[in-house]
N, C-alpha and C. Protein backbone atom coordinates (compact mmCIF):
# COMPACT_ATOMS: atom_id res chain seq x y z
N UNK A 1 -11.65 -18.64 17.17
CA UNK A 1 -10.76 -18.19 18.01
C UNK A 1 -9.61 -18.93 16.89
N UNK A 2 -8.34 -18.62 17.17
CA UNK A 2 -7.13 -19.00 16.76
C UNK A 2 -6.26 -19.12 17.53
N UNK A 3 -4.89 -19.97 17.75
CA UNK A 3 -4.09 -19.79 18.82
C UNK A 3 -2.88 -19.01 18.02
N UNK A 4 -1.71 -18.74 19.17
CA UNK A 4 -1.10 -17.17 18.77
C UNK A 4 -0.26 -17.88 17.88
N UNK A 5 0.37 -19.12 17.88
CA UNK A 5 1.14 -19.63 16.86
C UNK A 5 0.53 -19.46 15.56
N UNK A 6 -0.22 -19.42 15.25
CA UNK A 6 -0.84 -19.56 14.14
C UNK A 6 -0.90 -17.76 13.03
N UNK A 7 -0.55 -17.04 13.89
CA UNK A 7 -0.70 -15.54 13.31
C UNK A 7 0.67 -15.53 12.44
N UNK A 8 0.11 -14.89 11.03
CA UNK A 8 0.99 -14.69 10.13
C UNK A 8 0.83 -13.29 9.44
N UNK A 9 2.00 -12.55 8.83
CA UNK A 9 2.02 -11.38 8.19
C UNK A 9 0.64 -11.49 7.65
N UNK A 10 -0.37 -10.01 7.70
CA UNK A 10 -1.50 -9.90 7.08
C UNK A 10 -2.74 -10.65 7.83
N UNK A 11 -2.57 -11.48 9.05
CA UNK A 11 -3.60 -11.60 9.84
C UNK A 11 -4.36 -10.62 10.21
N UNK A 12 -5.50 -10.85 10.80
CA UNK A 12 -6.27 -9.64 11.62
C UNK A 12 -6.85 -10.19 12.44
N UNK A 13 -6.65 -9.87 13.65
CA UNK A 13 -7.17 -10.01 15.13
C UNK A 13 -7.78 -9.00 15.72
N UNK A 14 -8.79 -9.29 16.63
CA UNK A 14 -9.80 -8.10 17.64
C UNK A 14 -9.25 -8.46 18.84
N UNK A 15 -8.55 -7.38 19.54
CA UNK A 15 -7.90 -7.30 20.60
C UNK A 15 -8.20 -5.88 21.70
N UNK A 16 -8.99 -6.15 22.72
CA UNK A 16 -9.36 -4.97 23.60
C UNK A 16 -9.94 -3.99 22.55
N UNK A 17 -11.40 -4.45 21.76
CA UNK A 17 -12.11 -3.93 21.02
C UNK A 17 -11.73 -3.20 19.74
N UNK A 18 -10.73 -3.57 19.34
CA UNK A 18 -10.09 -2.49 18.21
C UNK A 18 -9.70 -3.86 17.36
N UNK A 19 -9.62 -3.55 16.03
CA UNK A 19 -8.99 -4.36 15.16
C UNK A 19 -7.40 -4.41 14.64
N UNK A 20 -6.45 -5.20 14.60
CA UNK A 20 -5.43 -5.22 14.56
C UNK A 20 -4.85 -6.10 13.24
N UNK A 21 -3.76 -5.54 12.05
CA UNK A 21 -3.59 -6.34 11.08
C UNK A 21 -2.04 -6.62 11.72
N UNK A 22 -1.92 -8.03 11.33
CA UNK A 22 -0.09 -8.33 11.84
C UNK A 22 0.81 -7.95 10.78
N UNK A 23 2.05 -7.15 10.97
CA UNK A 23 3.18 -6.42 9.60
C UNK A 23 4.34 -7.54 10.39
N UNK A 24 4.64 -8.26 10.85
CA UNK A 24 5.57 -8.99 11.42
C UNK A 24 5.55 -9.65 12.82
N UNK A 25 6.17 -10.69 12.27
CA UNK A 25 5.99 -11.98 13.54
C UNK A 25 7.11 -12.37 13.86
N UNK A 26 7.66 -13.06 15.09
CA UNK A 26 8.84 -13.87 15.31
C UNK A 26 8.29 -14.77 16.43
N UNK A 27 8.99 -15.95 15.76
CA UNK A 27 8.58 -17.18 16.82
C UNK A 27 9.64 -17.07 17.61
N UNK A 28 9.81 -16.98 19.35
CA UNK A 28 10.78 -16.85 19.84
C UNK A 28 11.15 -17.94 20.41
N UNK A 29 11.81 -19.13 20.79
CA UNK A 29 12.61 -20.05 21.67
C UNK A 29 13.54 -19.94 22.50
N UNK A 30 13.33 -19.42 23.53
CA UNK A 30 14.70 -18.89 24.60
C UNK A 30 15.02 -20.20 25.01
N UNK A 31 16.14 -20.38 25.90
CA UNK A 31 16.82 -21.22 26.00
C UNK A 31 16.21 -21.86 27.83
N UNK A 32 15.71 -21.05 28.11
CA UNK A 32 14.95 -20.87 29.27
C UNK A 32 13.37 -20.34 29.33
N UNK A 33 12.81 -21.10 30.01
CA UNK A 33 11.13 -20.52 29.80
C UNK A 33 10.20 -20.82 28.75
N UNK A 34 9.03 -20.43 28.79
CA UNK A 34 7.96 -20.90 27.55
C UNK A 34 8.87 -20.35 25.77
N UNK A 35 8.20 -20.96 25.08
CA UNK A 35 8.35 -20.29 23.62
C UNK A 35 6.93 -19.38 23.57
N UNK A 36 7.39 -18.31 22.77
CA UNK A 36 6.25 -16.75 22.54
C UNK A 36 6.19 -16.50 21.23
N UNK A 37 5.70 -15.95 21.13
CA UNK A 37 5.38 -15.21 19.70
C UNK A 37 5.67 -13.30 19.71
N UNK A 38 6.67 -12.64 19.00
CA UNK A 38 6.69 -11.43 19.25
C UNK A 38 6.12 -11.13 18.09
N UNK A 39 5.21 -10.00 18.14
CA UNK A 39 4.75 -9.41 17.09
C UNK A 39 4.40 -7.91 16.74
N UNK A 40 4.48 -7.59 15.62
CA UNK A 40 4.05 -6.34 15.71
C UNK A 40 2.76 -5.98 15.04
N UNK A 41 1.52 -4.98 15.84
CA UNK A 41 0.19 -5.26 15.03
C UNK A 41 -0.05 -3.70 14.87
N UNK A 42 -0.77 -3.58 14.03
CA UNK A 42 -0.77 -2.32 13.27
C UNK A 42 -2.44 -1.73 13.34
N UNK A 43 -2.85 -1.16 14.14
CA UNK A 43 -4.34 -0.45 14.13
C UNK A 43 -4.74 -0.33 13.08
N UNK A 44 -6.05 -0.78 12.36
CA UNK A 44 -6.67 -0.90 11.49
C UNK A 44 -7.46 0.97 11.46
N UNK A 45 -7.82 1.09 12.23
CA UNK A 45 -8.56 2.71 12.11
C UNK A 45 -7.38 3.70 12.65
N UNK A 46 -6.50 3.52 13.86
CA UNK A 46 -5.50 5.27 13.78
C UNK A 46 -4.49 4.35 12.91
N UNK A 47 -3.82 3.52 12.57
CA UNK A 47 -2.44 2.92 11.88
C UNK A 47 -1.41 2.91 12.62
N UNK A 48 -1.35 3.09 14.26
CA UNK A 48 -0.12 3.28 15.02
C UNK A 48 -0.14 1.69 15.41
N UNK A 49 1.03 1.53 15.14
CA UNK A 49 1.82 -0.06 15.49
C UNK A 49 2.06 0.11 16.74
N UNK A 50 1.75 -0.91 17.41
CA UNK A 50 2.22 -1.69 18.72
C UNK A 50 2.80 -3.05 18.90
N UNK A 51 3.85 -3.17 19.74
CA UNK A 51 4.53 -4.44 19.65
C UNK A 51 3.81 -5.18 20.62
N UNK A 52 3.68 -6.74 20.36
CA UNK A 52 2.86 -7.48 21.70
C UNK A 52 3.24 -8.70 21.86
N UNK A 53 3.68 -9.51 22.77
CA UNK A 53 3.74 -10.89 22.66
C UNK A 53 2.84 -11.64 23.31
N UNK A 54 2.89 -12.95 22.78
CA UNK A 54 1.70 -13.98 23.02
C UNK A 54 2.43 -15.09 23.58
N UNK A 55 1.90 -15.80 24.35
CA UNK A 55 2.51 -17.35 24.73
C UNK A 55 1.69 -18.13 23.68
N UNK A 56 2.28 -19.28 23.36
CA UNK A 56 2.06 -20.31 22.69
C UNK A 56 0.84 -20.80 23.35
N UNK A 57 0.13 -21.00 22.53
CA UNK A 57 -1.04 -22.14 22.96
C UNK A 57 -2.55 -20.48 23.24
N UNK A 58 -1.98 -19.45 23.53
CA UNK A 58 -2.96 -18.29 23.86
C UNK A 58 -4.22 -18.13 22.90
N UNK A 59 -5.08 -18.19 23.48
CA UNK A 59 -6.16 -17.86 21.92
C UNK A 59 -6.71 -16.75 21.85
N UNK A 60 -6.80 -16.32 20.53
CA UNK A 60 -6.81 -15.05 20.21
C UNK A 60 -8.48 -14.84 19.29
N UNK A 61 -8.92 -13.69 18.83
CA UNK A 61 -9.79 -13.43 18.35
C UNK A 61 -9.44 -13.20 16.86
N UNK A 62 -9.95 -14.05 15.95
CA UNK A 62 -9.45 -13.43 14.33
C UNK A 62 -10.87 -13.12 14.02
N UNK A 63 -10.42 -12.64 12.89
CA UNK A 63 -11.25 -11.85 12.04
C UNK A 63 -11.01 -11.76 10.47
N UNK A 64 -12.42 -12.41 9.98
CA UNK A 64 -12.40 -12.57 8.61
C UNK A 64 -12.50 -11.18 8.01
N UNK A 65 -11.35 -11.23 6.91
CA UNK A 65 -11.33 -10.18 5.95
C UNK A 65 -11.34 -10.44 4.70
N UNK A 66 -11.89 -9.62 3.72
CA UNK A 66 -12.24 -9.79 2.36
C UNK A 66 -11.64 -8.71 1.72
N UNK A 67 -11.05 -8.83 0.71
CA UNK A 67 -10.30 -7.81 -0.22
C UNK A 67 -11.16 -7.69 -1.39
N UNK A 68 -11.90 -7.02 -1.98
CA UNK A 68 -12.13 -6.64 -3.21
C UNK A 68 -11.79 -5.96 -4.11
N UNK A 69 -11.89 -5.79 -5.04
CA UNK A 69 -11.25 -4.74 -6.19
C UNK A 69 -12.83 -3.67 -6.60
N UNK A 70 -12.46 -2.50 -6.11
CA UNK A 70 -13.87 -1.48 -6.58
C UNK A 70 -12.95 -0.26 -7.09
N UNK A 71 -14.10 0.10 -8.10
CA UNK A 71 -13.52 1.43 -8.54
C UNK A 71 -13.95 2.61 -8.17
N UNK A 72 -13.09 3.54 -8.27
CA UNK A 72 -13.42 5.16 -7.68
C UNK A 72 -14.02 5.60 -8.95
N UNK A 73 -15.52 6.42 -8.29
CA UNK A 73 -15.78 6.92 -9.38
C UNK A 73 -16.14 8.46 -9.30
N UNK A 74 -16.34 8.82 -8.30
CA UNK A 74 -16.51 10.34 -8.10
C UNK A 74 -15.92 10.50 -6.30
N UNK A 75 -15.45 12.15 -6.39
CA UNK A 75 -15.55 12.65 -4.40
C UNK A 75 -16.53 13.61 -4.31
N UNK A 76 -17.33 13.48 -3.03
CA UNK A 76 -18.47 14.03 -2.48
C UNK A 76 -17.82 14.48 -1.28
N UNK A 77 -17.07 16.07 -0.94
CA UNK A 77 -16.51 16.17 -0.04
C UNK A 77 -15.26 15.60 0.69
N UNK A 78 -15.45 14.89 1.81
CA UNK A 78 -14.50 14.22 1.89
C UNK A 78 -14.85 12.85 2.29
N UNK A 79 -15.86 12.51 1.37
CA UNK A 79 -16.29 11.15 1.08
C UNK A 79 -15.69 10.72 -0.31
N UNK A 80 -15.30 9.71 -0.48
CA UNK A 80 -15.15 8.91 -1.57
C UNK A 80 -16.20 7.71 -2.03
N UNK A 81 -16.83 7.95 -3.33
CA UNK A 81 -17.78 6.90 -4.10
C UNK A 81 -17.21 5.77 -4.88
N UNK A 82 -17.13 4.57 -4.60
CA UNK A 82 -16.33 3.67 -4.67
C UNK A 82 -17.31 2.30 -5.41
N UNK A 83 -17.46 1.75 -6.96
CA UNK A 83 -18.77 0.86 -6.88
C UNK A 83 -17.88 -0.32 -7.36
N UNK A 84 -18.55 -1.38 -6.43
CA UNK A 84 -18.00 -2.86 -6.29
C UNK A 84 -17.85 -3.20 -8.04
N UNK A 85 -16.94 -4.18 -8.46
CA UNK A 85 -16.50 -4.52 -9.68
C UNK A 85 -17.64 -5.67 -10.18
N UNK A 86 -18.29 -6.25 -9.54
CA UNK A 86 -18.70 -7.64 -9.65
C UNK A 86 -20.17 -7.36 -9.62
N UNK A 87 -20.59 -6.87 -8.17
CA UNK A 87 -22.32 -6.19 -7.93
C UNK A 87 -22.52 -5.22 -8.31
N UNK A 88 -21.72 -4.05 -8.46
CA UNK A 88 -21.91 -2.60 -9.37
C UNK A 88 -22.65 -1.73 -8.14
N UNK A 89 -22.54 -2.10 -6.94
CA UNK A 89 -23.07 -1.63 -5.38
C UNK A 89 -22.15 -0.32 -5.44
N UNK A 90 -22.63 0.82 -4.90
CA UNK A 90 -21.85 2.05 -4.47
C UNK A 90 -21.46 1.93 -3.42
N UNK A 91 -20.44 2.43 -2.79
CA UNK A 91 -19.77 2.01 -1.35
C UNK A 91 -19.28 3.78 -1.22
N UNK A 92 -19.66 4.06 -0.03
CA UNK A 92 -18.61 5.51 0.65
C UNK A 92 -17.74 5.18 1.29
N UNK A 93 -16.94 5.66 1.54
CA UNK A 93 -15.23 5.49 2.12
C UNK A 93 -14.75 6.88 2.60
N UNK A 94 -15.04 7.45 3.76
CA UNK A 94 -14.03 8.96 3.97
C UNK A 94 -12.17 8.64 3.70
N UNK A 95 -11.94 10.03 3.56
CA UNK A 95 -10.67 10.24 3.12
C UNK A 95 -9.53 9.29 3.91
N UNK A 96 -9.99 9.85 5.38
CA UNK A 96 -8.56 9.34 6.15
C UNK A 96 -8.67 7.59 5.98
N UNK A 97 -9.32 6.80 5.56
CA UNK A 97 -9.37 5.54 5.07
C UNK A 97 -8.80 4.81 4.07
N UNK A 98 -8.69 5.85 3.31
CA UNK A 98 -7.71 5.29 1.92
C UNK A 98 -5.91 5.85 2.15
N UNK A 99 -5.41 4.89 1.56
CA UNK A 99 -4.12 4.92 1.85
C UNK A 99 -3.59 5.46 0.07
N UNK A 100 -2.75 6.68 0.13
CA UNK A 100 -2.87 7.42 -1.27
C UNK A 100 -3.79 7.70 -1.58
N UNK A 101 -4.52 8.27 -0.94
CA UNK A 101 -5.58 9.12 -1.34
C UNK A 101 -5.50 9.93 -2.36
N UNK A 102 -3.99 10.76 -2.28
CA UNK A 102 -3.35 12.25 -2.77
C UNK A 102 -3.41 11.98 -4.44
N UNK A 103 -3.24 10.38 -4.67
CA UNK A 103 -2.44 10.18 -6.14
C UNK A 103 -3.65 9.14 -7.05
N UNK A 104 -5.05 9.32 -6.15
CA UNK A 104 -6.03 8.33 -6.97
C UNK A 104 -6.97 9.40 -8.08
N UNK A 105 -7.03 8.58 -8.89
CA UNK A 105 -7.47 9.45 -10.48
C UNK A 105 -9.02 8.78 -10.56
N UNK A 106 -9.99 9.39 -11.29
CA UNK A 106 -11.04 8.63 -11.38
C UNK A 106 -10.92 7.46 -12.37
N UNK A 107 -11.59 6.33 -12.00
CA UNK A 107 -11.58 5.00 -12.62
C UNK A 107 -10.39 4.00 -12.16
N UNK A 108 -9.41 4.73 -10.72
CA UNK A 108 -8.50 3.81 -10.21
C UNK A 108 -9.31 2.93 -9.67
N UNK A 109 -8.82 1.53 -9.81
CA UNK A 109 -8.84 0.50 -9.24
C UNK A 109 -8.36 0.34 -8.07
N UNK A 110 -9.07 -0.03 -7.04
CA UNK A 110 -8.38 -0.45 -5.30
C UNK A 110 -8.72 -1.10 -4.61
N UNK A 111 -7.86 -1.92 -4.00
CA UNK A 111 -8.49 -2.78 -3.19
C UNK A 111 -8.88 -2.41 -1.90
N UNK A 112 -10.30 -2.47 -1.60
CA UNK A 112 -11.20 -2.73 -0.63
C UNK A 112 -11.43 -3.41 0.60
N UNK A 113 -10.77 -3.59 1.79
CA UNK A 113 -10.68 -4.21 2.94
C UNK A 113 -11.95 -4.27 3.64
N UNK A 114 -12.71 -5.11 3.90
CA UNK A 114 -13.74 -5.17 4.83
C UNK A 114 -13.95 -6.45 5.83
N UNK A 115 -14.44 -6.05 7.10
CA UNK A 115 -14.67 -7.26 7.98
C UNK A 115 -15.96 -8.24 7.17
N UNK A 116 -15.79 -9.29 7.03
CA UNK A 116 -17.05 -9.84 6.49
C UNK A 116 -18.24 -10.39 7.85
N UNK A 117 -17.83 -10.32 9.19
CA UNK A 117 -18.74 -10.35 10.00
C UNK A 117 -19.59 -9.21 9.89
N UNK A 118 -19.43 -8.36 9.85
CA UNK A 118 -20.26 -6.95 10.06
C UNK A 118 -20.44 -6.53 8.52
N UNK A 119 -19.68 -6.52 7.76
CA UNK A 119 -19.71 -5.85 6.33
C UNK A 119 -19.39 -4.05 6.48
N UNK A 120 -18.41 -4.05 7.37
CA UNK A 120 -17.83 -2.91 7.65
C UNK A 120 -16.42 -2.43 6.74
N UNK A 121 -16.41 -1.35 6.19
CA UNK A 121 -15.36 -1.29 5.14
C UNK A 121 -14.32 -0.97 6.37
N UNK A 122 -12.69 -1.47 6.27
CA UNK A 122 -11.90 -1.17 7.10
C UNK A 122 -11.29 -0.12 6.67
N UNK A 123 -10.84 -0.12 5.25
CA UNK A 123 -9.54 0.63 4.61
C UNK A 123 -9.58 0.06 3.27
N UNK A 124 -9.08 0.99 2.39
CA UNK A 124 -8.80 1.17 0.73
C UNK A 124 -7.36 1.11 0.78
N UNK A 125 -6.66 0.28 -0.23
CA UNK A 125 -5.37 0.20 -0.54
C UNK A 125 -5.26 0.68 -2.05
N UNK A 126 -4.37 1.81 -2.52
CA UNK A 126 -3.80 1.60 -3.84
C UNK A 126 -3.13 1.17 -3.92
N UNK A 127 -2.78 0.90 -5.34
CA UNK A 127 -1.84 -0.29 -5.89
C UNK A 127 -0.19 0.53 -5.38
N UNK A 128 0.87 -0.15 -5.42
CA UNK A 128 1.87 0.16 -4.60
C UNK A 128 2.24 1.50 -5.58
N UNK A 129 1.92 1.56 -7.11
CA UNK A 129 2.85 2.22 -7.73
C UNK A 129 2.03 2.69 -8.75
N UNK A 130 1.42 4.30 -9.03
CA UNK A 130 0.60 4.77 -10.25
C UNK A 130 1.54 5.38 -11.22
N UNK A 131 0.96 5.30 -12.35
CA UNK A 131 1.33 6.82 -13.11
C UNK A 131 0.29 7.57 -13.34
N UNK A 132 1.16 8.71 -13.38
CA UNK A 132 0.35 10.31 -13.34
C UNK A 132 0.98 11.01 -14.23
N UNK A 133 0.71 11.81 -15.19
CA UNK A 133 1.12 12.86 -16.24
C UNK A 133 1.32 14.22 -15.34
N UNK A 134 2.16 14.77 -15.53
CA UNK A 134 2.53 15.76 -14.86
C UNK A 134 2.25 17.09 -15.70
N UNK A 135 1.53 18.04 -14.95
CA UNK A 135 0.63 19.21 -15.29
C UNK A 135 1.52 20.20 -15.16
N UNK A 136 2.07 20.39 -14.71
CA UNK A 136 3.29 21.84 -14.38
C UNK A 136 4.08 21.38 -13.60
N UNK A 137 5.84 21.97 -14.04
CA UNK A 137 6.62 21.84 -13.54
C UNK A 137 7.57 22.64 -14.09
N UNK A 138 8.50 23.65 -13.53
CA UNK A 138 9.27 24.28 -14.34
C UNK A 138 10.43 23.63 -15.24
N UNK A 139 10.55 24.53 -16.52
CA UNK A 139 11.56 23.56 -17.30
C UNK A 139 12.87 23.41 -16.85
N UNK A 140 13.23 22.00 -16.62
CA UNK A 140 14.63 21.94 -16.62
C UNK A 140 15.73 22.62 -17.66
N UNK A 141 16.85 22.75 -16.92
CA UNK A 141 18.10 23.37 -17.45
C UNK A 141 18.98 22.29 -18.02
N UNK A 142 19.33 22.22 -19.36
CA UNK A 142 20.33 21.44 -20.14
C UNK A 142 21.11 21.22 -19.56
N UNK A 143 21.85 20.34 -19.32
CA UNK A 143 23.09 19.94 -18.98
C UNK A 143 23.74 19.77 -17.54
N UNK A 144 22.12 20.24 -16.49
CA UNK A 144 22.21 20.55 -15.01
C UNK A 144 22.08 18.67 -14.56
N UNK A 145 22.73 18.05 -14.74
CA UNK A 145 22.34 16.51 -14.15
C UNK A 145 23.19 15.93 -13.47
N UNK A 146 24.11 16.95 -12.99
CA UNK A 146 25.56 16.51 -12.31
C UNK A 146 25.32 16.17 -10.90
N UNK A 147 24.17 16.77 -10.34
CA UNK A 147 23.18 16.82 -9.26
C UNK A 147 22.48 15.62 -8.82
N UNK A 148 22.11 15.08 -7.34
CA UNK A 148 20.76 14.69 -7.78
C UNK A 148 19.74 15.48 -6.96
N UNK A 149 19.52 16.81 -7.78
CA UNK A 149 18.71 17.79 -7.40
C UNK A 149 17.07 17.34 -7.75
N UNK A 150 16.53 17.18 -6.63
CA UNK A 150 15.14 17.75 -7.14
C UNK A 150 13.91 18.82 -7.51
N UNK A 151 12.77 18.64 -7.83
CA UNK A 151 12.67 19.91 -8.25
C UNK A 151 10.81 19.57 -8.00
N UNK A 152 9.76 20.58 -7.33
CA UNK A 152 8.19 19.87 -7.35
C UNK A 152 7.59 19.88 -8.99
N UNK A 153 6.88 19.26 -8.54
CA UNK A 153 6.12 19.27 -10.06
C UNK A 153 4.42 18.68 -9.62
N UNK A 154 3.60 19.38 -10.20
CA UNK A 154 2.33 18.92 -9.70
C UNK A 154 2.24 18.19 -11.01
N UNK A 155 0.97 16.73 -10.74
CA UNK A 155 0.32 15.97 -11.26
C UNK A 155 -0.71 15.82 -11.65
N UNK A 156 -1.32 15.07 -12.22
CA UNK A 156 -2.98 15.67 -12.68
C UNK A 156 -4.12 15.47 -11.50
N UNK A 157 -3.53 14.89 -10.40
CA UNK A 157 -4.66 14.96 -9.57
C UNK A 157 -4.43 15.55 -8.99
N UNK A 158 -3.23 16.83 -8.80
CA UNK A 158 -3.55 17.82 -8.01
C UNK A 158 -2.32 17.72 -7.08
N UNK A 159 -1.69 16.41 -6.73
CA UNK A 159 -0.46 16.34 -5.82
C UNK A 159 0.90 16.75 -6.41
N UNK A 160 1.38 17.23 -5.74
CA UNK A 160 2.66 17.47 -5.72
C UNK A 160 3.81 16.53 -5.00
N UNK A 161 4.80 16.27 -6.53
CA UNK A 161 5.61 15.30 -5.88
C UNK A 161 7.20 15.88 -6.49
N UNK A 162 8.33 15.68 -5.50
CA UNK A 162 9.97 15.81 -6.17
C UNK A 162 10.15 14.80 -7.31
N UNK A 163 10.74 15.72 -8.47
CA UNK A 163 10.92 14.65 -9.12
C UNK A 163 12.49 15.54 -9.84
N UNK A 164 13.12 14.80 -10.72
CA UNK A 164 14.43 15.13 -11.21
C UNK A 164 14.58 16.45 -12.05
N UNK A 165 15.52 16.76 -12.49
CA UNK A 165 15.26 18.25 -13.03
C UNK A 165 15.02 17.99 -14.50
N UNK A 166 14.95 16.98 -15.29
CA UNK A 166 14.76 16.34 -16.50
C UNK A 166 13.73 15.96 -16.91
N UNK A 167 12.81 15.98 -16.03
CA UNK A 167 11.42 15.45 -15.97
C UNK A 167 10.52 17.57 -16.56
N UNK A 168 9.66 16.71 -17.74
CA UNK A 168 8.86 18.15 -18.27
C UNK A 168 7.53 17.73 -18.21
N UNK A 169 6.65 18.92 -18.49
CA UNK A 169 5.74 19.02 -18.60
C UNK A 169 4.88 17.90 -19.11
N UNK A 170 3.73 17.27 -18.91
CA UNK A 170 3.56 16.32 -20.11
C UNK A 170 3.77 15.20 -20.04
N UNK A 171 4.67 14.86 -19.48
CA UNK A 171 5.52 13.24 -19.26
C UNK A 171 4.78 12.52 -18.26
N UNK A 172 4.84 11.37 -18.63
CA UNK A 172 4.53 10.45 -17.56
C UNK A 172 5.27 9.79 -16.75
N UNK A 173 5.02 9.95 -15.19
CA UNK A 173 5.93 9.31 -14.55
C UNK A 173 5.23 8.74 -13.23
N UNK A 174 6.17 7.35 -12.87
CA UNK A 174 5.45 6.54 -11.89
C UNK A 174 5.85 6.84 -10.28
N UNK A 175 4.89 7.02 -9.82
CA UNK A 175 5.21 7.46 -8.29
C UNK A 175 4.47 6.40 -7.39
N UNK A 176 5.49 5.93 -5.94
CA UNK A 176 4.97 5.34 -4.93
C UNK A 176 4.25 5.83 -4.34
N UNK A 177 3.06 5.17 -4.12
CA UNK A 177 1.64 6.04 -3.58
C UNK A 177 1.77 5.63 -1.35
N UNK A 178 3.17 4.83 -1.29
CA UNK A 178 2.98 5.03 0.29
C UNK A 178 3.61 6.15 0.78
N UNK A 179 4.64 6.33 0.00
CA UNK A 179 5.70 8.07 0.61
C UNK A 179 5.37 8.99 -0.45
N UNK A 180 4.92 8.92 -1.79
CA UNK A 180 4.86 9.82 -2.84
C UNK A 180 5.87 10.37 -3.46
N UNK A 181 7.11 9.14 -3.33
CA UNK A 181 8.21 9.51 -3.83
C UNK A 181 8.22 9.07 -5.17
N UNK A 182 9.06 10.34 -6.37
CA UNK A 182 9.27 9.58 -7.46
C UNK A 182 10.20 8.28 -8.08
N UNK A 183 9.40 7.54 -8.83
CA UNK A 183 9.99 6.04 -9.17
C UNK A 183 10.55 5.88 -10.48
N UNK A 184 10.13 6.43 -11.20
CA UNK A 184 11.09 7.19 -12.91
C UNK A 184 9.88 6.99 -13.73
N UNK A 185 10.77 7.53 -15.16
CA UNK A 185 9.41 8.05 -16.08
C UNK A 185 9.16 6.89 -17.03
N UNK A 186 7.86 7.07 -17.37
CA UNK A 186 7.37 6.15 -17.91
C UNK A 186 7.55 6.19 -19.40
N UNK A 187 8.08 5.43 -20.71
CA UNK A 187 8.65 5.66 -21.57
C UNK A 187 7.04 4.92 -22.66
């Protein structure tokens, strides 16, 4: 058990039978009344965010979570197979539990977050940015750089990304895995 004032960003708690990660918190001291914590909690399974107030001293059930690097080996339908980097054991994770799955290629190392008390996988996190090769895009027109126009491009994982007009096939680009946006060209 932990006190409400000990909540920080990244803390995992069990509430109403569900697991939540704290993504934002604020310690509020009003002029009148008791001090409280205003938090934003993200449901681990559904991904929706809820705002919740806790009184100082309120007891919460904390959950010990562990982040470990796992290497993506192959896909079997909706299930993805990962290998633990230390013990070489195989772990199967559903597609909907992987953040940024469209930009993941074989051999990619991801952080797998698991509940240590039950050894269940909560979710897998891709790195914030990945570098992928453009496999198909329409050729850019020379001199057409006056506007900030984007064109569709297919990368090596099969995902489609909007890129600037000067990007051509065979170039390596950097992509944000959170929203799938183009970050820059890799030289």
